[in-house]
All heavy atoms as atom14 arrays in JSON, in Angstrom:
{
  "sequence": "NDVAGVRVVCSFTSDIYKLADMIGKQADLTVVAIKDYIKRPKESG",
  "atom14_mask": [
    [1, 1, 1, 1, 1, 1, 1, 1, 0, 0, 0, 0, 0, 0],
    [1, 1, 1, 1, 1, 1, 1, 1, 0, 0, 0, 0, 0, 0],
    [1, 1, 1, 1, 1, 1, 1, 0, 0, 0, 0, 0, 0, 0],
    [1, 1, 1, 1, 1, 0, 0, 0, 0, 0, 0, 0, 0, 0],
    [1, 1, 1, 1, 0, 0, 0, 0, 0, 0, 0, 0, 0, 0],
    [1, 1, 1, 1, 1, 1, 1, 0, 0, 0, 0, 0, 0, 0],
    [1, 1, 1, 1, 1, 1, 1, 1, 1, 1, 1, 0, 0, 0],
    [1, 1, 1, 1, 1, 1, 1, 0, 0, 0, 0, 0, 0, 0],
    [1, 1, 1, 1, 1, 1, 1, 0, 0, 0, 0, 0, 0, 0],
    [1, 1, 1, 1, 1, 1, 0, 0, 0, 0, 0, 0, 0, 0],
    [1, 1, 1, 1, 1, 1, 0, 0, 0, 0, 0, 0, 0, 0],
    [1, 1, 1, 1, 1, 1, 1, 1, 1, 1, 1, 0, 0, 0],
    [1, 1, 1, 1, 1, 1, 1, 0, 0, 0, 0, 0, 0, 0],
    [1, 1, 1, 1, 1, 1, 0, 0, 0, 0, 0, 0, 0, 0],
    [1, 1, 1, 1, 1, 1, 1, 1, 0, 0, 0, 0, 0, 0],
    [1, 1, 1, 1, 1, 1, 1, 1, 0, 0, 0, 0, 0, 0],
    [1, 1, 1, 1, 1, 1, 1, 1, 1, 1, 1, 1, 0, 0],
    [1, 1, 1, 1, 1, 1, 1, 1, 1, 0, 0, 0, 0, 0],
    [1, 1, 1, 1, 1, 1, 1, 1, 0, 0, 0, 0, 0, 0],
    [1, 1, 1, 1, 1, 0, 0, 0, 0, 0, 0, 0, 0, 0],
    [1, 1, 1, 1, 1, 1, 1, 1, 0, 0, 0, 0, 0, 0],
    [1, 1, 1, 1, 1, 1, 1, 1, 0, 0, 0, 0, 0, 0],
    [1, 1, 1, 1, 1, 1, 1, 1, 0, 0, 0, 0, 0, 0],
    [1, 1, 1, 1, 0, 0, 0, 0, 0, 0, 0, 0, 0, 0],
    [1, 1, 1, 1, 1, 1, 1, 1, 1, 0, 0, 0, 0, 0],
    [1, 1, 1, 1, 1, 1, 1, 1, 1, 0, 0, 0, 0, 0],
    [1, 1, 1, 1, 1, 0, 0, 0, 0, 0, 0, 0, 0, 0],
    [1, 1, 1, 1, 1, 1, 1, 1, 0, 0, 0, 0, 0, 0],
    [1, 1, 1, 1, 1, 1, 1, 1, 0, 0, 0, 0, 0, 0],
    [1, 1, 1, 1, 1, 1, 1, 0, 0, 0, 0, 0, 0, 0],
    [1, 1, 1, 1, 1, 1, 1, 0, 0, 0, 0, 0, 0, 0],
    [1, 1, 1, 1, 1, 1, 1, 0, 0, 0, 0, 0, 0, 0],
    [1, 1, 1, 1, 1, 0, 0, 0, 0, 0, 0, 0, 0, 0],
    [1, 1, 1, 1, 1, 1, 1, 1, 0, 0, 0, 0, 0, 0],
    [1, 1, 1, 1, 1, 1, 1, 1, 1, 0, 0, 0, 0, 0],
    [1, 1, 1, 1, 1, 1, 1, 1, 0, 0, 0, 0, 0, 0],
    [1, 1, 1, 1, 1, 1, 1, 1, 1, 1, 1, 1, 0, 0],
    [1, 1, 1, 1, 1, 1, 1, 1, 0, 0, 0, 0, 0, 0],
    [1, 1, 1, 1, 1, 1, 1, 1, 1, 0, 0, 0, 0, 0],
    [1, 1, 1, 1, 1, 1, 1, 1, 1, 1, 1, 0, 0, 0],
    [1, 1, 1, 1, 1, 1, 1, 0, 0, 0, 0, 0, 0, 0],
    [1, 1, 1, 1, 1, 1, 1, 1, 1, 0, 0, 0, 0, 0],
    [1, 1, 1, 1, 1, 1, 1, 1, 1, 0, 0, 0, 0, 0],
    [1, 1, 1, 1, 1, 1, 0, 0, 0, 0, 0, 0, 0, 0],
    [1, 1, 1, 1, 0, 0, 0, 0, 0, 0, 0, 0, 0, 0]
  ],
  "atom14_positions": [
    [[10.91, -2.78, 5.27], [9.86, -1.9, 5.83], [10.26, -1.19, 7.1], [9.53, -0.28, 7.56], [8.59, -2.7, 6.08], [7.95, -3.22, 4.83], [8.0, -2.61, 3.76], [7.36, -4.42, 4.92], [0.0, 0.0, 0.0], [0.0, 0.0, 0.0], [0.0, 0.0, 0.0], [0.0, 0.0, 0.0], [0.0, 0.0, 0.0], [0.0, 0.0, 0.0]],
    [[11.36, -1.61, 7.72], [11.67, -1.13, 9.04], [13.01, -0.41, 9.17], [13.62, -0.41, 10.22], [11.62, -2.29, 10.06], [12.63, -3.39, 9.71], [13.19, -3.36, 8.57], [12.87, -4.27, 10.56], [0.0, 0.0, 0.0], [0.0, 0.0, 0.0], [0.0, 0.0, 0.0], [0.0, 0.0, 0.0], [0.0, 0.0, 0.0], [0.0, 0.0, 0.0]],
    [[13.49, 0.18, 8.07], [14.72, 0.95, 8.16], [14.54, 2.11, 9.11], [15.4, 2.43, 9.94], [15.15, 1.45, 6.76], [16.38, 2.37, 6.89], [15.48, 0.24, 5.86], [0.0, 0.0, 0.0], [0.0, 0.0, 0.0], [0.0, 0.0, 0.0], [0.0, 0.0, 0.0], [0.0, 0.0, 0.0], [0.0, 0.0, 0.0], [0.0, 0.0, 0.0]],
    [[13.4, 2.78, 9.0], [13.03, 3.84, 9.96], [11.92, 3.31, 10.85], [10.95, 2.74, 10.37], [12.56, 5.1, 9.21], [0.0, 0.0, 0.0], [0.0, 0.0, 0.0], [0.0, 0.0, 0.0], [0.0, 0.0, 0.0], [0.0, 0.0, 0.0], [0.0, 0.0, 0.0], [0.0, 0.0, 0.0], [0.0, 0.0, 0.0], [0.0, 0.0, 0.0]],
    [[12.07, 3.49, 12.15], [11.1, 2.99, 13.09], [10.74, 3.98, 14.16], [11.6, 4.74, 14.63], [0.0, 0.0, 0.0], [0.0, 0.0, 0.0], [0.0, 0.0, 0.0], [0.0, 0.0, 0.0], [0.0, 0.0, 0.0], [0.0, 0.0, 0.0], [0.0, 0.0, 0.0], [0.0, 0.0, 0.0], [0.0, 0.0, 0.0], [0.0, 0.0, 0.0]],
    [[9.45, 4.01, 14.53], [8.97, 4.83, 15.64], [8.23, 3.92, 16.61], [7.32, 3.19, 16.16], [8.08, 5.98, 15.16], [7.53, 6.76, 16.35], [8.81, 6.91, 14.22], [0.0, 0.0, 0.0], [0.0, 0.0, 0.0], [0.0, 0.0, 0.0], [0.0, 0.0, 0.0], [0.0, 0.0, 0.0], [0.0, 0.0, 0.0], [0.0, 0.0, 0.0]],
    [[8.61, 3.9, 17.84], [7.95, 3.11, 18.87], [7.18, 4.02, 19.78], [7.72, 4.99, 20.33], [8.96, 2.31, 19.69], [8.3, 1.38, 20.7], [9.34, 0.67, 21.55], [10.32, -0.02, 20.67], [11.52, -0.36, 21.06], [11.97, -0.06, 22.28], [12.37, -0.97, 20.23], [0.0, 0.0, 0.0], [0.0, 0.0, 0.0], [0.0, 0.0, 0.0]],
    [[5.85, 3.69, 19.97], [4.99, 4.49, 20.81], [4.56, 3.58, 21.97], [4.0, 2.5, 21.75], [3.77, 5.0, 20.04], [2.95, 5.91, 20.94], [4.21, 5.71, 18.77], [0.0, 0.0, 0.0], [0.0, 0.0, 0.0], [0.0, 0.0, 0.0], [0.0, 0.0, 0.0], [0.0, 0.0, 0.0], [0.0, 0.0, 0.0], [0.0, 0.0, 0.0]],
    [[4.82, 4.04, 23.18], [4.47, 3.23, 24.37], [3.29, 3.91, 25.07], [3.37, 5.09, 25.43], [5.66, 3.08, 25.3], [5.26, 2.31, 26.55], [6.81, 2.34, 24.59], [0.0, 0.0, 0.0], [0.0, 0.0, 0.0], [0.0, 0.0, 0.0], [0.0, 0.0, 0.0], [0.0, 0.0, 0.0], [0.0, 0.0, 0.0], [0.0, 0.0, 0.0]],
    [[2.2, 3.15, 25.21], [0.94, 3.65, 25.77], [0.73, 3.1, 27.19], [1.41, 2.16, 27.62], [-0.24, 3.23, 24.89], [-0.19, 3.91, 23.24], [0.0, 0.0, 0.0], [0.0, 0.0, 0.0], [0.0, 0.0, 0.0], [0.0, 0.0, 0.0], [0.0, 0.0, 0.0], [0.0, 0.0, 0.0], [0.0, 0.0, 0.0], [0.0, 0.0, 0.0]],
    [[-0.22, 3.71, 27.87], [-0.54, 3.29, 29.24], [-1.31, 1.99, 29.24], [-1.01, 1.08, 30.01], [-1.36, 4.39, 29.96], [-0.69, 5.61, 29.93], [0.0, 0.0, 0.0], [0.0, 0.0, 0.0], [0.0, 0.0, 0.0], [0.0, 0.0, 0.0], [0.0, 0.0, 0.0], [0.0, 0.0, 0.0], [0.0, 0.0, 0.0], [0.0, 0.0, 0.0]],
    [[-2.33, 1.88, 28.38], [-3.25, 0.73, 28.4], [-3.46, 0.17, 26.97], [-3.28, 0.89, 25.99], [-4.61, 1.16, 28.99], [-4.5, 1.8, 30.34], [-4.64, 3.16, 30.5], [-4.22, 1.04, 31.48], [-4.54, 3.79, 31.74], [-4.1, 1.62, 32.71], [-4.27, 3.0, 32.85], [0.0, 0.0, 0.0], [0.0, 0.0, 0.0], [0.0, 0.0, 0.0]],
    [[-3.85, -1.1, 26.96], [-4.05, -1.76, 25.68], [-5.09, -1.0, 24.83], [-4.95, -0.87, 23.61], [-4.5, -3.23, 25.88], [-3.58, -3.87, 26.72], [-4.57, -3.96, 24.55], [0.0, 0.0, 0.0], [0.0, 0.0, 0.0], [0.0, 0.0, 0.0], [0.0, 0.0, 0.0], [0.0, 0.0, 0.0], [0.0, 0.0, 0.0], [0.0, 0.0, 0.0]],
    [[-6.13, -0.51, 25.47], [-7.19, 0.2, 24.76], [-6.64, 1.43, 24.06], [-7.1, 1.84, 22.99], [-8.32, 0.61, 25.69], [-7.84, 1.37, 26.77], [0.0, 0.0, 0.0], [0.0, 0.0, 0.0], [0.0, 0.0, 0.0], [0.0, 0.0, 0.0], [0.0, 0.0, 0.0], [0.0, 0.0, 0.0], [0.0, 0.0, 0.0], [0.0, 0.0, 0.0]],
    [[-5.63, 2.06, 24.7], [-5.01, 3.26, 24.07], [-4.32, 2.92, 22.75], [-4.27, 3.76, 21.85], [-3.96, 3.84, 25.03], [-4.57, 4.43, 26.3], [-5.74, 4.85, 26.24], [-3.87, 4.45, 27.33], [0.0, 0.0, 0.0], [0.0, 0.0, 0.0], [0.0, 0.0, 0.0], [0.0, 0.0, 0.0], [0.0, 0.0, 0.0], [0.0, 0.0, 0.0]],
    [[-3.78, 1.72, 22.66], [-3.1, 1.31, 21.44], [-4.02, 1.36, 20.24], [-3.67, 1.95, 19.18], [-2.53, -0.12, 21.59], [-1.44, -0.14, 22.65], [-2.02, -0.65, 20.25], [-0.94, -1.54, 23.0], [0.0, 0.0, 0.0], [0.0, 0.0, 0.0], [0.0, 0.0, 0.0], [0.0, 0.0, 0.0], [0.0, 0.0, 0.0], [0.0, 0.0, 0.0]],
    [[-5.22, 0.84, 20.39], [-6.18, 0.79, 19.28], [-6.77, 2.16, 19.0], [-7.02, 2.51, 17.83], [-7.25, -0.25, 19.55], [-6.71, -1.65, 19.57], [-6.39, -2.31, 20.76], [-6.41, -2.31, 18.39], [-5.9, -3.58, 20.78], [-5.86, -3.59, 18.38], [-5.62, -4.21, 19.61], [-5.08, -5.49, 19.59], [0.0, 0.0, 0.0], [0.0, 0.0, 0.0]],
    [[-6.93, 2.98, 20.02], [-7.41, 4.36, 19.8], [-6.37, 5.14, 19.0], [-6.72, 5.84, 18.04], [-7.61, 5.06, 21.13], [-8.81, 4.59, 21.95], [-8.88, 5.29, 23.29], [-9.95, 4.71, 24.2], [-9.93, 5.28, 25.58], [0.0, 0.0, 0.0], [0.0, 0.0, 0.0], [0.0, 0.0, 0.0], [0.0, 0.0, 0.0], [0.0, 0.0, 0.0]],
    [[-5.12, 4.99, 19.38], [-4.02, 5.71, 18.69], [-3.87, 5.22, 17.27], [-3.71, 6.02, 16.33], [-2.72, 5.56, 19.48], [-1.53, 6.35, 18.92], [-1.83, 7.84, 18.9], [-0.29, 6.04, 19.75], [0.0, 0.0, 0.0], [0.0, 0.0, 0.0], [0.0, 0.0, 0.0], [0.0, 0.0, 0.0], [0.0, 0.0, 0.0], [0.0, 0.0, 0.0]],
    [[-3.92, 3.91, 17.08], [-3.79, 3.34, 15.73], [-4.9, 3.85, 14.82], [-4.67, 4.15, 13.65], [-3.81, 1.81, 15.8], [0.0, 0.0, 0.0], [0.0, 0.0, 0.0], [0.0, 0.0, 0.0], [0.0, 0.0, 0.0], [0.0, 0.0, 0.0], [0.0, 0.0, 0.0], [0.0, 0.0, 0.0], [0.0, 0.0, 0.0], [0.0, 0.0, 0.0]],
    [[-6.12, 3.96, 15.37], [-7.23, 4.48, 14.59], [-7.01, 5.93, 14.19], [-7.24, 6.35, 13.04], [-8.54, 4.33, 15.37], [-9.75, 4.79, 14.59], [-10.04, 4.17, 13.53], [-10.41, 5.73, 15.03], [0.0, 0.0, 0.0], [0.0, 0.0, 0.0], [0.0, 0.0, 0.0], [0.0, 0.0, 0.0], [0.0, 0.0, 0.0], [0.0, 0.0, 0.0]],
    [[-6.49, 6.74, 15.14], [-6.21, 8.15, 14.86], [-5.13, 8.29, 13.81], [-5.23, 9.13, 12.91], [-5.78, 8.84, 16.16], [-6.92, 8.98, 17.19], [-6.28, 9.44, 18.84], [-5.72, 11.11, 18.54], [0.0, 0.0, 0.0], [0.0, 0.0, 0.0], [0.0, 0.0, 0.0], [0.0, 0.0, 0.0], [0.0, 0.0, 0.0], [0.0, 0.0, 0.0]],
    [[-4.08, 7.45, 13.88], [-3.0, 7.51, 12.91], [-3.53, 7.16, 11.53], [-3.19, 7.79, 10.53], [-1.85, 6.55, 13.33], [-1.16, 7.08, 14.59], [-0.85, 6.39, 12.19], [-0.21, 6.09, 15.22], [0.0, 0.0, 0.0], [0.0, 0.0, 0.0], [0.0, 0.0, 0.0], [0.0, 0.0, 0.0], [0.0, 0.0, 0.0], [0.0, 0.0, 0.0]],
    [[-4.38, 6.11, 11.44], [-4.87, 5.67, 10.15], [-5.78, 6.7, 9.48], [-5.96, 6.62, 8.25], [0.0, 0.0, 0.0], [0.0, 0.0, 0.0], [0.0, 0.0, 0.0], [0.0, 0.0, 0.0], [0.0, 0.0, 0.0], [0.0, 0.0, 0.0], [0.0, 0.0, 0.0], [0.0, 0.0, 0.0], [0.0, 0.0, 0.0], [0.0, 0.0, 0.0]],
    [[-6.26, 7.68, 10.2], [-7.13, 8.69, 9.61], [-6.38, 9.94, 9.17], [-7.0, 10.87, 8.65], [-8.21, 9.1, 10.64], [-9.24, 8.0, 10.91], [-10.23, 8.42, 11.97], [-11.26, 7.3, 12.22], [-12.19, 7.66, 13.31], [0.0, 0.0, 0.0], [0.0, 0.0, 0.0], [0.0, 0.0, 0.0], [0.0, 0.0, 0.0], [0.0, 0.0, 0.0]],
    [[-5.06, 9.96, 9.31], [-4.26, 11.12, 8.88], [-4.23, 11.2, 7.33], [-3.94, 10.21, 6.68], [-2.83, 10.96, 9.4], [-2.74, 11.05, 10.95], [-3.11, 12.43, 11.46], [-2.41, 13.42, 11.24], [-4.24, 12.51, 12.14], [0.0, 0.0, 0.0], [0.0, 0.0, 0.0], [0.0, 0.0, 0.0], [0.0, 0.0, 0.0], [0.0, 0.0, 0.0]],
    [[-4.55, 12.37, 6.83], [-4.74, 12.51, 5.37], [-3.46, 12.31, 4.58], [-3.46, 11.72, 3.51], [-5.32, 13.89, 5.08], [0.0, 0.0, 0.0], [0.0, 0.0, 0.0], [0.0, 0.0, 0.0], [0.0, 0.0, 0.0], [0.0, 0.0, 0.0], [0.0, 0.0, 0.0], [0.0, 0.0, 0.0], [0.0, 0.0, 0.0], [0.0, 0.0, 0.0]],
    [[-2.33, 12.77, 5.13], [-1.06, 12.69, 4.36], [-0.2, 11.51, 4.83], [1.04, 11.55, 4.73], [-0.28, 14.0, 4.46], [0.08, 14.37, 5.9], [-0.55, 13.81, 6.82], [0.96, 15.2, 6.09], [0.0, 0.0, 0.0], [0.0, 0.0, 0.0], [0.0, 0.0, 0.0], [0.0, 0.0, 0.0], [0.0, 0.0, 0.0], [0.0, 0.0, 0.0]],
    [[-0.85, 10.49, 5.3], [-0.15, 9.27, 5.73], [-0.94, 8.06, 5.24], [-2.16, 8.03, 5.38], [-0.04, 9.29, 7.27], [0.67, 8.14, 7.99], [1.24, 8.65, 9.32], [-0.25, 6.99, 8.26], [0.0, 0.0, 0.0], [0.0, 0.0, 0.0], [0.0, 0.0, 0.0], [0.0, 0.0, 0.0], [0.0, 0.0, 0.0], [0.0, 0.0, 0.0]],
    [[-0.24, 7.11, 4.66], [-0.94, 5.92, 4.1], [-0.51, 4.66, 4.87], [0.7, 4.39, 4.97], [-0.59, 5.74, 2.62], [-0.97, 6.93, 1.91], [-1.35, 4.56, 2.05], [0.0, 0.0, 0.0], [0.0, 0.0, 0.0], [0.0, 0.0, 0.0], [0.0, 0.0, 0.0], [0.0, 0.0, 0.0], [0.0, 0.0, 0.0], [0.0, 0.0, 0.0]],
    [[-1.47, 3.94, 5.4], [-1.2, 2.69, 6.05], [-1.13, 1.58, 4.99], [-2.09, 1.35, 4.26], [-2.27, 2.35, 7.1], [-1.97, 0.99, 7.76], [-2.37, 3.43, 8.14], [0.0, 0.0, 0.0], [0.0, 0.0, 0.0], [0.0, 0.0, 0.0], [0.0, 0.0, 0.0], [0.0, 0.0, 0.0], [0.0, 0.0, 0.0], [0.0, 0.0, 0.0]],
    [[0.02, 0.93, 4.87], [0.17, -0.11, 3.83], [0.13, -1.54, 4.42], [-0.07, -2.47, 3.66], [1.49, 0.09, 3.06], [1.46, 1.43, 2.31], [2.73, 0.05, 3.95], [0.0, 0.0, 0.0], [0.0, 0.0, 0.0], [0.0, 0.0, 0.0], [0.0, 0.0, 0.0], [0.0, 0.0, 0.0], [0.0, 0.0, 0.0], [0.0, 0.0, 0.0]],
    [[0.33, -1.66, 5.73], [0.26, -2.99, 6.35], [0.05, -2.86, 7.83], [0.52, -1.91, 8.46], [1.55, -3.78, 6.05], [0.0, 0.0, 0.0], [0.0, 0.0, 0.0], [0.0, 0.0, 0.0], [0.0, 0.0, 0.0], [0.0, 0.0, 0.0], [0.0, 0.0, 0.0], [0.0, 0.0, 0.0], [0.0, 0.0, 0.0], [0.0, 0.0, 0.0]],
    [[-0.67, -3.84, 8.4], [-0.88, -3.9, 9.85], [-0.64, -5.33, 10.29], [-1.09, -6.28, 9.65], [-2.32, -3.49, 10.24], [-2.52, -1.96, 9.99], [-2.64, -3.85, 11.7], [-3.96, -1.52, 10.22], [0.0, 0.0, 0.0], [0.0, 0.0, 0.0], [0.0, 0.0, 0.0], [0.0, 0.0, 0.0], [0.0, 0.0, 0.0], [0.0, 0.0, 0.0]],
    [[0.09, -5.47, 11.41], [0.26, -6.77, 12.03], [-0.08, -6.61, 13.52], [0.63, -5.91, 14.22], [1.69, -7.29, 11.87], [2.02, -7.68, 10.43], [3.39, -8.28, 10.3], [3.72, -8.69, 8.87], [5.07, -9.26, 8.72], [0.0, 0.0, 0.0], [0.0, 0.0, 0.0], [0.0, 0.0, 0.0], [0.0, 0.0, 0.0], [0.0, 0.0, 0.0]],
    [[-1.15, -7.28, 13.94], [-1.59, -7.18, 15.32], [-1.06, -8.35, 16.12], [-1.68, -9.44, 16.17], [-3.13, -7.15, 15.37], [-3.65, -6.81, 16.75], [-2.89, -6.93, 17.72], [-4.83, -6.45, 16.86], [0.0, 0.0, 0.0], [0.0, 0.0, 0.0], [0.0, 0.0, 0.0], [0.0, 0.0, 0.0], [0.0, 0.0, 0.0], [0.0, 0.0, 0.0]],
    [[0.11, -8.14, 16.72], [0.71, -9.21, 17.54], [0.2, -9.19, 18.99], [0.69, -9.92, 19.83], [2.23, -9.03, 17.59], [2.92, -9.24, 16.25], [3.61, -8.23, 15.6], [2.83, -10.48, 15.58], [4.21, -8.39, 14.4], [3.44, -10.68, 14.36], [4.13, -9.65, 13.78], [4.72, -9.82, 12.56], [0.0, 0.0, 0.0], [0.0, 0.0, 0.0]],
    [[-0.83, -8.35, 19.24], [-1.5, -8.39, 20.54], [-2.59, -9.46, 20.53], [-2.66, -10.31, 21.39], [-2.06, -7.01, 20.9], [-0.92, -5.96, 20.97], [-2.83, -7.07, 22.22], [-1.43, -4.53, 21.11], [0.0, 0.0, 0.0], [0.0, 0.0, 0.0], [0.0, 0.0, 0.0], [0.0, 0.0, 0.0], [0.0, 0.0, 0.0], [0.0, 0.0, 0.0]],
    [[-3.42, -9.41, 19.47], [-4.44, -10.43, 19.34], [-3.87, -11.75, 18.87], [-4.39, -12.82, 19.22], [-5.5, -9.95, 18.34], [-6.32, -8.75, 18.85], [-7.35, -8.3, 17.8], [-8.17, -7.13, 18.35], [-9.1, -6.6, 17.32], [0.0, 0.0, 0.0], [0.0, 0.0, 0.0], [0.0, 0.0, 0.0], [0.0, 0.0, 0.0], [0.0, 0.0, 0.0]],
    [[-2.76, -11.68, 18.12], [-2.12, -12.89, 17.63], [-0.62, -12.79, 17.9], [0.17, -12.47, 17.04], [-2.36, -13.08, 16.13], [-3.8, -13.36, 15.8], [-4.05, -13.4, 14.3], [-3.86, -12.08, 13.7], [-4.75, -11.11, 13.69], [-5.93, -11.3, 14.24], [-4.51, -9.95, 13.1], [0.0, 0.0, 0.0], [0.0, 0.0, 0.0], [0.0, 0.0, 0.0]],
    [[-0.22, -13.09, 19.18], [1.2, -12.97, 19.55], [2.1, -13.89, 18.73], [1.64, -14.96, 18.23], [1.23, -13.36, 21.03], [-0.21, -13.23, 21.49], [-1.06, -13.53, 20.3], [0.0, 0.0, 0.0], [0.0, 0.0, 0.0], [0.0, 0.0, 0.0], [0.0, 0.0, 0.0], [0.0, 0.0, 0.0], [0.0, 0.0, 0.0], [0.0, 0.0, 0.0]],
    [[3.38, -13.52, 18.62], [4.34, -14.43, 18.0], [4.54, -15.65, 18.91], [4.23, -15.61, 20.09], [5.67, -13.69, 17.8], [5.63, -12.59, 16.74], [7.04, -12.02, 16.5], [7.01, -10.97, 15.42], [8.39, -10.44, 15.16], [0.0, 0.0, 0.0], [0.0, 0.0, 0.0], [0.0, 0.0, 0.0], [0.0, 0.0, 0.0], [0.0, 0.0, 0.0]],
    [[5.1, -16.67, 18.33], [5.33, -17.93, 19.1], [6.19, -17.67, 20.35], [6.01, -18.33, 21.37], [5.99, -18.98, 18.2], [6.14, -20.33, 18.87], [6.77, -21.34, 17.93], [6.88, -21.07, 16.73], [7.13, -22.44, 18.43], [0.0, 0.0, 0.0], [0.0, 0.0, 0.0], [0.0, 0.0, 0.0], [0.0, 0.0, 0.0], [0.0, 0.0, 0.0]],
    [[7.07, -16.71, 20.28], [7.96, -16.4, 21.4], [7.2, -15.75, 22.56], [7.66, -15.72, 23.69], [9.05, -15.43, 20.96], [8.53, -14.18, 20.56], [0.0, 0.0, 0.0], [0.0, 0.0, 0.0], [0.0, 0.0, 0.0], [0.0, 0.0, 0.0], [0.0, 0.0, 0.0], [0.0, 0.0, 0.0], [0.0, 0.0, 0.0], [0.0, 0.0, 0.0]],
    [[5.97, -15.22, 22.27], [5.24, -14.5, 23.27], [5.24, -12.99, 23.02], [4.57, -12.24, 23.76], [0.0, 0.0, 0.0], [0.0, 0.0, 0.0], [0.0, 0.0, 0.0], [0.0, 0.0, 0.0], [0.0, 0.0, 0.0], [0.0, 0.0, 0.0], [0.0, 0.0, 0.0], [0.0, 0.0, 0.0], [0.0, 0.0, 0.0], [0.0, 0.0, 0.0]]
  ]
}
């Protein structure tokens, strides 16, 4: 799933969810999976 990757760095945590919501509403883009490691961090942190 990660051969091609785009990293977006935001100012605040609230911006992350606003942007994710905007991306999910794009007509010619399909969200197939979401992993929220902010609410549920990996064991490493």
